[in-house]
C-alpha atoms as a PDB file:
ATOM      1  CA  MET A   1      19.490  35.540  12.100  1.00  0.00           C
ATOM      2  CA  PRO A   2      20.266  35.897  15.829  1.00  0.00           C
ATOM      3  CA  LEU A   3      19.456  33.113  18.239  1.00  0.00           C
ATOM      4  CA  ALA A   4      15.994  33.539  19.707  1.00  0.00           C
ATOM      5  CA  GLY A   5      15.981  33.132  23.490  1.00  0.00           C
ATOM      6  CA  SER A   6      13.473  30.977  25.301  1.00  0.00           C
ATOM      7  CA  ASN A   7      12.148  33.999  27.227  1.00  0.00           C
ATOM      8  CA  GLN A   8      11.481  36.034  24.107  1.00  0.00           C
ATOM      9  CA  PRO A   9       8.188  37.968  24.284  1.00  0.00           C
ATOM     10  CA  LEU A  10       5.309  36.435  22.338  1.00  0.00           C
ATOM     11  CA  ILE A  11       4.994  39.172  19.713  1.00  0.00           C
ATOM     12  CA  ALA A  12       8.744  39.199  19.111  1.00  0.00           C
ATOM     13  CA  ALA A  13       8.762  35.407  18.748  1.00  0.00           C
ATOM     14  CA  ILE A  14       5.951  35.576  16.180  1.00  0.00           C
ATOM     15  CA  ARG A  15       7.901  38.186  14.244  1.00  0.00           C
ATOM     16  CA  VAL A  16      10.973  35.960  14.201  1.00  0.00           C
ATOM     17  CA  GLY A  17       8.954  33.045  12.831  1.00  0.00           C
ATOM     18  CA  LEU A  18       7.296  35.214  10.181  1.00  0.00           C
ATOM     19  CA  ALA A  19      10.648  36.693   9.189  1.00  0.00           C
ATOM     20  CA  HIS A  20      12.057  33.230   8.555  1.00  0.00           C
ATOM     21  CA  LEU A  21       9.005  32.360   6.466  1.00  0.00           C
ATOM     22  CA  ARG A  22       9.475  35.482   4.358  1.00  0.00           C
ATOM     23  CA  ALA A  23      13.145  34.700   3.862  1.00  0.00           C
ATOM     24  CA  THR A  24      12.577  31.063   2.822  1.00  0.00           C
ATOM     25  CA  PRO A  25      10.611  30.831  -0.457  1.00  0.00           C
ATOM     26  CA  GLU A  26       9.754  27.130  -0.166  1.00  0.00           C
ATOM     27  CA  LEU A  27       8.411  27.535   3.367  1.00  0.00           C
ATOM     28  CA  ARG A  28       6.530  30.660   2.349  1.00  0.00           C
ATOM     29  CA  MET A  29       4.904  28.777  -0.505  1.00  0.00           C
ATOM     30  CA  LEU A  30       3.973  25.866   1.754  1.00  0.00           C
ATOM     31  CA  ALA A  31       2.465  28.166   4.376  1.00  0.00           C
ATOM     32  CA  ALA A  32       0.360  29.885   1.709  1.00  0.00           C
ATOM     33  CA  ALA A  33      -0.723  26.529   0.268  1.00  0.00           C
ATOM     34  CA  MET A  34      -1.628  25.219   3.721  1.00  0.00           C
ATOM     35  CA  ALA A  35      -3.682  28.340   4.398  1.00  0.00           C
ATOM     36  CA  THR A  36      -5.475  27.944   1.067  1.00  0.00           C
ATOM     37  CA  TYR A  37      -6.111  24.260   1.770  1.00  0.00           C
ATOM     38  CA  ASN A  38      -7.660  25.053   5.171  1.00  0.00           C
ATOM     39  CA  PHE A  39      -9.626  27.967   3.711  1.00  0.00           C
ATOM     40  CA  ALA A  40     -11.187  25.761   1.034  1.00  0.00           C
ATOM     41  CA  PHE A  41     -11.814  22.847   3.409  1.00  0.00           C
ATOM     42  CA  ASN A  42     -13.780  25.072   5.753  1.00  0.00           C
ATOM     43  CA  ILE A  43     -15.742  26.703   2.948  1.00  0.00           C
ATOM     44  CA  SER A  44     -17.314  23.290   2.482  1.00  0.00           C
ATOM     45  CA  MET A  45     -17.327  22.017   6.047  1.00  0.00           C
ATOM     46  CA  ALA A  46     -19.047  25.124   7.450  1.00  0.00           C
ATOM     47  CA  THR A  47     -22.360  23.958   5.978  1.00  0.00           C
ATOM     48  CA  PHE A  48     -21.598  20.320   5.193  1.00  0.00           C
ATOM     49  CA  VAL A  49     -23.713  19.034   8.062  1.00  0.00           C
ATOM     50  CA  LEU A  50     -26.705  20.783   6.468  1.00  0.00           C
ATOM     51  CA  TYR A  51     -25.852  19.299   3.079  1.00  0.00           C
ATOM     52  CA  ALA A  52     -25.566  15.838   4.622  1.00  0.00           C
ATOM     53  CA  THR A  53     -28.853  16.020   6.515  1.00  0.00           C
ATOM     54  CA  SER A  54     -30.999  17.867   3.975  1.00  0.00           C
ATOM     55  CA  THR A  55     -29.582  16.660   0.655  1.00  0.00           C
ATOM     56  CA  LEU A  56     -28.178  13.232   1.528  1.00  0.00           C
ATOM     57  CA  HIS A  57     -30.832  12.647   4.244  1.00  0.00           C
ATOM     58  CA  VAL A  58     -28.230  11.373   6.687  1.00  0.00           C
ATOM     59  CA  ALA A  59     -29.217  10.932  10.326  1.00  0.00           C
ATOM     60  CA  ASP A  60     -27.075  12.247  13.172  1.00  0.00           C
ATOM     61  CA  ALA A  61     -25.351   8.895  13.661  1.00  0.00           C
ATOM     62  CA  GLY A  62     -24.768   8.582   9.923  1.00  0.00           C
ATOM     63  CA  TYR A  63     -23.055  11.958   9.858  1.00  0.00           C
ATOM     64  CA  GLY A  64     -20.676  10.766  12.554  1.00  0.00           C
ATOM     65  CA  ILE A  65     -19.913   7.687  10.464  1.00  0.00           C
ATOM     66  CA  LEU A  66     -19.109   9.869   7.459  1.00  0.00           C
ATOM     67  CA  LEU A  67     -16.608  11.834   9.535  1.00  0.00           C
ATOM     68  CA  ALA A  68     -15.106   8.578  10.803  1.00  0.00           C
ATOM     69  CA  VAL A  69     -14.638   7.392   7.217  1.00  0.00           C
ATOM     70  CA  ALA A  70     -12.711  10.583   6.470  1.00  0.00           C
ATOM     71  CA  ALA A  71     -10.479   9.883   9.459  1.00  0.00           C
ATOM     72  CA  ILE A  72      -9.851   6.332   8.227  1.00  0.00           C
ATOM     73  CA  GLY A  73      -8.695   7.711   4.883  1.00  0.00           C
ATOM     74  CA  GLY A  74      -6.191   9.876   6.719  1.00  0.00           C
ATOM     75  CA  ILE A  75      -4.926   7.006   8.860  1.00  0.00           C
ATOM     76  CA  VAL A  76      -4.406   4.682   5.886  1.00  0.00           C
ATOM     77  CA  THR A  77      -2.493   7.366   4.026  1.00  0.00           C
ATOM     78  CA  GLY A  78      -0.364   8.003   7.097  1.00  0.00           C
ATOM     79  CA  TRP A  79       0.847   4.399   6.979  1.00  0.00           C
ATOM     80  CA  ARG A  80       2.123   4.980   3.439  1.00  0.00           C
ATOM     81  CA  ALA A  81       3.493   8.479   3.981  1.00  0.00           C
ATOM     82  CA  ALA A  82       7.168   7.572   4.354  1.00  0.00           C
ATOM     83  CA  PRO A  83       7.614   6.310   0.768  1.00  0.00           C
ATOM     84  CA  LEU A  84       5.834   9.397  -0.531  1.00  0.00           C
ATOM     85  CA  THR A  85       8.259  11.728   1.229  1.00  0.00           C
ATOM     86  CA  ARG A  86      11.137   9.969  -0.527  1.00  0.00           C
ATOM     87  CA  ARG A  87       9.579  10.097  -3.991  1.00  0.00           C
ATOM     88  CA  LEU A  88       7.877  13.493  -3.997  1.00  0.00           C
ATOM     89  CA  THR A  89       8.920  17.008  -3.086  1.00  0.00           C
ATOM     90  CA  TYR A  90       7.024  19.045  -0.512  1.00  0.00           C
ATOM     91  CA  ARG A  91       5.540  21.120  -3.305  1.00  0.00           C
ATOM     92  CA  GLN A  92       4.354  18.051  -5.180  1.00  0.00           C
ATOM     93  CA  MET A  93       2.714  16.546  -2.092  1.00  0.00           C
ATOM     94  CA  MET A  94       0.876  19.778  -1.371  1.00  0.00           C
ATOM     95  CA  ALA A  95      -0.280  20.132  -4.977  1.00  0.00           C
ATOM     96  CA  ILE A  96      -1.541  16.540  -5.018  1.00  0.00           C
ATOM     97  CA  ALA A  97      -3.378  17.125  -1.731  1.00  0.00           C
ATOM     98  CA  CYS A  98      -5.104  20.220  -3.117  1.00  0.00           C
ATOM     99  CA  ALA A  99      -6.073  18.370  -6.311  1.00  0.00           C
ATOM    100  CA  LEU A 100      -7.434  15.399  -4.353  1.00  0.00           C
ATOM    101  CA  GLN A 101      -9.528  17.589  -2.098  1.00  0.00           C
ATOM    102  CA  ALA A 102     -10.834  19.509  -5.122  1.00  0.00           C
ATOM    103  CA  LEU A 103     -11.832  16.247  -6.800  1.00  0.00           C
ATOM    104  CA  ALA A 104     -13.558  15.063  -3.635  1.00  0.00           C
ATOM    105  CA  TRP A 105     -15.661  18.169  -3.037  1.00  0.00           C
ATOM    106  CA  ALA A 106     -16.628  18.310  -6.715  1.00  0.00           C
ATOM    107  CA  GLY A 107     -17.580  14.628  -6.543  1.00  0.00           C
ATOM    108  CA  ILE A 108     -19.704  15.144  -3.436  1.00  0.00           C
ATOM    109  CA  ALA A 109     -21.514  18.032  -5.148  1.00  0.00           C
ATOM    110  CA  ALA A 110     -22.002  16.148  -8.434  1.00  0.00           C
ATOM    111  CA  VAL A 111     -22.995  12.771  -6.949  1.00  0.00           C
ATOM    112  CA  PRO A 112     -25.390  13.361  -4.006  1.00  0.00           C
ATOM    113  CA  ASN A 113     -25.193   9.797  -2.729  1.00  0.00           C
ATOM    114  CA  VAL A 114     -24.211   8.865   0.812  1.00  0.00           C
ATOM    115  CA  TYR A 115     -21.909   5.997  -0.209  1.00  0.00           C
ATOM    116  CA  ALA A 116     -20.142   8.088  -2.832  1.00  0.00           C
ATOM    117  CA  THR A 117     -19.834  10.867  -0.278  1.00  0.00           C
ATOM    118  CA  GLY A 118     -18.184   8.471   2.163  1.00  0.00           C
ATOM    119  CA  ALA A 119     -15.622   7.470  -0.453  1.00  0.00           C
ATOM    120  CA  PHE A 120     -14.911  11.091  -1.323  1.00  0.00           C
ATOM    121  CA  LEU A 121     -14.548  12.004   2.356  1.00  0.00           C
ATOM    122  CA  ALA A 122     -11.975   9.217   2.729  1.00  0.00           C
ATOM    123  CA  LEU A 123     -10.112  10.900  -0.128  1.00  0.00           C
ATOM    124  CA  ILE A 124     -10.276  14.215   1.728  1.00  0.00           C
ATOM    125  CA  GLY A 125      -8.873  12.520   4.829  1.00  0.00           C
ATOM    126  CA  ALA A 126      -6.007  11.181   2.727  1.00  0.00           C
ATOM    127  CA  ALA A 127      -5.361  14.641   1.294  1.00  0.00           C
ATOM    128  CA  SER A 128      -5.306  16.194   4.753  1.00  0.00           C
ATOM    129  CA  THR A 129      -2.676  13.700   5.870  1.00  0.00           C
ATOM    130  CA  LEU A 130      -0.565  14.589   2.838  1.00  0.00           C
ATOM    131  CA  THR A 131      -0.641  18.270   3.770  1.00  0.00           C
ATOM    132  CA  SER A 132       0.397  17.469   7.333  1.00  0.00           C
ATOM    133  CA  VAL A 133       3.251  15.261   6.143  1.00  0.00           C
ATOM    134  CA  ALA A 134       4.461  17.892   3.679  1.00  0.00           C
ATOM    135  CA  ALA A 135       4.425  20.680   6.256  1.00  0.00           C
ATOM    136  CA  SER A 136       5.856  18.661   9.140  1.00  0.00           C
ATOM    137  CA  SER A 137       8.664  17.356   6.916  1.00  0.00           C
ATOM    138  CA  ALA A 138       9.512  20.716   5.369  1.00  0.00           C
ATOM    139  CA  ARG A 139       9.677  22.773   8.545  1.00  0.00           C
ATOM    140  CA  PRO A 140      12.605  20.956  10.219  1.00  0.00           C
ATOM    141  CA  ALA A 141      14.392  20.544   6.877  1.00  0.00           C
ATOM    142  CA  LEU A 142      14.245  24.251   6.062  1.00  0.00           C
ATOM    143  CA  THR A 143      14.406  25.814   9.528  1.00  0.00           C
ATOM    144  CA  PRO A 144      17.231  26.105  12.080  1.00  0.00           C
ATOM    145  CA  ASP A 145      16.462  24.082  15.188  1.00  0.00           C
ATOM    146  CA  HIS A 146      16.222  27.113  17.477  1.00  0.00           C
ATOM    147  CA  LEU A 147      13.544  28.677  15.238  1.00  0.00           C
ATOM    148  CA  LEU A 148      11.433  25.576  14.646  1.00  0.00           C
ATOM    149  CA  GLY A 149       8.826  26.305  17.318  1.00  0.00           C
ATOM    150  CA  ARG A 150       8.368  29.867  16.102  1.00  0.00           C
ATOM    151  CA  VAL A 151       8.049  28.831  12.471  1.00  0.00           C
ATOM    152  CA  THR A 152       5.553  26.119  13.410  1.00  0.00           C
ATOM    153  CA  SER A 153       3.498  28.740  15.261  1.00  0.00           C
ATOM    154  CA  ALA A 154       3.632  31.028  12.226  1.00  0.00           C
ATOM    155  CA  PHE A 155       2.314  28.167  10.049  1.00  0.00           C
ATOM    156  CA  ARG A 156      -0.533  27.628  12.484  1.00  0.00           C
ATOM    157  CA  LEU A 157      -1.317  31.329  12.535  1.00  0.00           C
ATOM    158  CA  PHE A 158      -1.938  31.230   8.785  1.00  0.00           C
ATOM    159  CA  GLY A 159      -3.684  27.873   8.857  1.00  0.00           C
ATOM    160  CA  VAL A 160      -6.081  28.587  11.711  1.00  0.00           C
ATOM    161  CA  GLY A 161      -6.795  32.109  10.481  1.00  0.00           C
ATOM    162  CA  ALA A 162      -7.589  30.834   7.003  1.00  0.00           C
ATOM    163  CA  ALA A 163      -9.866  28.149   8.442  1.00  0.00           C
ATOM    164  CA  GLY A 164     -11.979  30.763  10.205  1.00  0.00           C
ATOM    165  CA  LEU A 165     -12.223  32.886   7.074  1.00  0.00           C
ATOM    166  CA  GLY A 166     -13.181  29.822   5.067  1.00  0.00           C
ATOM    167  CA  ALA A 167     -16.007  28.930   7.450  1.00  0.00           C
ATOM    168  CA  LEU A 168     -17.349  32.481   7.255  1.00  0.00           C
ATOM    169  CA  THR A 169     -17.103  32.453   3.461  1.00  0.00           C
ATOM    170  CA  GLY A 170     -18.834  29.098   3.196  1.00  0.00           C
ATOM    171  CA  GLY A 171     -21.711  30.257   5.370  1.00  0.00           C
ATOM    172  CA  LEU A 172     -22.164  33.413   3.328  1.00  0.00           C
ATOM    173  CA  ILE A 173     -22.107  31.505   0.041  1.00  0.00           C
ATOM    174  CA  ALA A 174     -24.664  28.965   1.266  1.00  0.00           C
ATOM    175  CA  SER A 175     -26.960  31.693   2.549  1.00  0.00           C
ATOM    176  CA  GLU A 176     -26.913  33.461  -0.817  1.00  0.00           C
ATOM    177  CA  PHE A 177     -27.122  30.385  -3.057  1.00  0.00           C
ATOM    178  CA  THR A 178     -27.608  26.672  -2.332  1.00  0.00           C
ATOM    179  CA  LEU A 179     -25.758  24.134  -0.209  1.00  0.00           C
ATOM    180  CA  HIS A 180     -24.075  22.751  -3.326  1.00  0.00           C
ATOM    181  CA  VAL A 181     -22.322  26.016  -4.161  1.00  0.00           C
ATOM    182  CA  PRO A 182     -19.799  26.023  -1.278  1.00  0.00           C
ATOM    183  CA  LEU A 183     -18.635  22.581  -2.428  1.00  0.00           C
ATOM    184  CA  TRP A 184     -18.014  23.815  -5.949  1.00  0.00           C
ATOM    185  CA  ALA A 185     -16.396  26.987  -4.635  1.00  0.00           C
ATOM    186  CA  ALA A 186     -13.971  24.986  -2.493  1.00  0.00           C
ATOM    187  CA  ALA A 187     -13.077  22.781  -5.463  1.00  0.00           C
ATOM    188  CA  ALA A 188     -12.380  25.837  -7.620  1.00  0.00           C
ATOM    189  CA  VAL A 189     -10.116  27.428  -4.999  1.00  0.00           C
ATOM    190  CA  LEU A 190      -8.161  24.199  -4.612  1.00  0.00           C
ATOM    191  CA  ILE A 191      -7.659  23.675  -8.344  1.00  0.00           C
ATOM    192  CA  LEU A 192      -6.283  27.210  -8.613  1.00  0.00           C
ATOM    193  CA  SER A 193      -3.993  26.536  -5.654  1.00  0.00           C
ATOM    194  CA  ALA A 194      -2.683  23.283  -7.145  1.00  0.00           C
ATOM    195  CA  GLY A 195      -1.921  25.055 -10.395  1.00  0.00           C
ATOM    196  CA  ALA A 196      -0.259  27.986  -8.638  1.00  0.00           C
ATOM    197  CA  LEU A 197       2.170  25.613  -6.910  1.00  0.00           C
ATOM    198  CA  ARG A 198       3.647  24.609 -10.301  1.00  0.00           C
ATOM    199  CA  PRO A 199       4.877  21.318  -8.847  1.00  0.00           C
ATOM    200  CA  TRP A 200       6.396  19.835 -12.042  1.00  0.00           C
ATOM    201  CA  PRO A 201       9.222  20.241 -12.836  1.00  0.00           C
ATOM    202  CA  THR A 202      10.802  21.356  -9.600  1.00  0.00           C
ATOM    203  CA  THR A 203      14.266  21.777  -8.139  1.00  0.00           C
ATOM    204  CA  GLU A 204      15.699  19.225  -5.782  1.00  0.00           C
ATOM    205  CA  ARG A 205      14.424  19.422  -2.244  1.00  0.00           C
ATOM    206  CA  PRO A 206      16.936  20.609   0.355  1.00  0.00           C
ATOM    207  CA  GLN A 207      17.950  17.837   2.731  1.00  0.00           C
ATOM    208  CA  HIS A 208      17.789  18.168   6.498  1.00  0.00           C
ATOM    209  CA  GLY A 209      21.239  17.837   7.999  1.00  0.00           C
END
């Protein structure tokens, strides 16, 4: 692939990044998994504040604490991320993240208790960190240096776009059914995604030179 110049027009740069994704199966799979992860996360989060206040009877300050607990789960996992990257492939980390988030949303729906919800949100924070580690490790390992910015932008295009679609989907589901249903829907999407990744067995991960 020809070297992409720094003054390349925006649309052309996006095309270059997307072309590299299409040509690299592992990156393509990770981008799709990241998009699915964000889609499912926002199915639930679009109406989660309503679930927290009306079902869990959480006050405004309590809702902020729940979100802080999720962040703590992500931070703790970040401290242990380096050993995981040595023991697991990118595909395995992404599949585990999807499975963990599925378990958490299903748990929140099945156990409408504020303390249980806090624990499950910490699990979601941990899963989100795993997805970030998998993607940020895979991109430089599987992408030439001069294309890294364009490939990163292509990942974000899928991720941010999927997040918006997920929020819209979650709102529509909640308006048609109950506030529990988006949680179950997100869990179902994530279980399907984890299975579609087929993480075990897997070929050896390419090493970044």
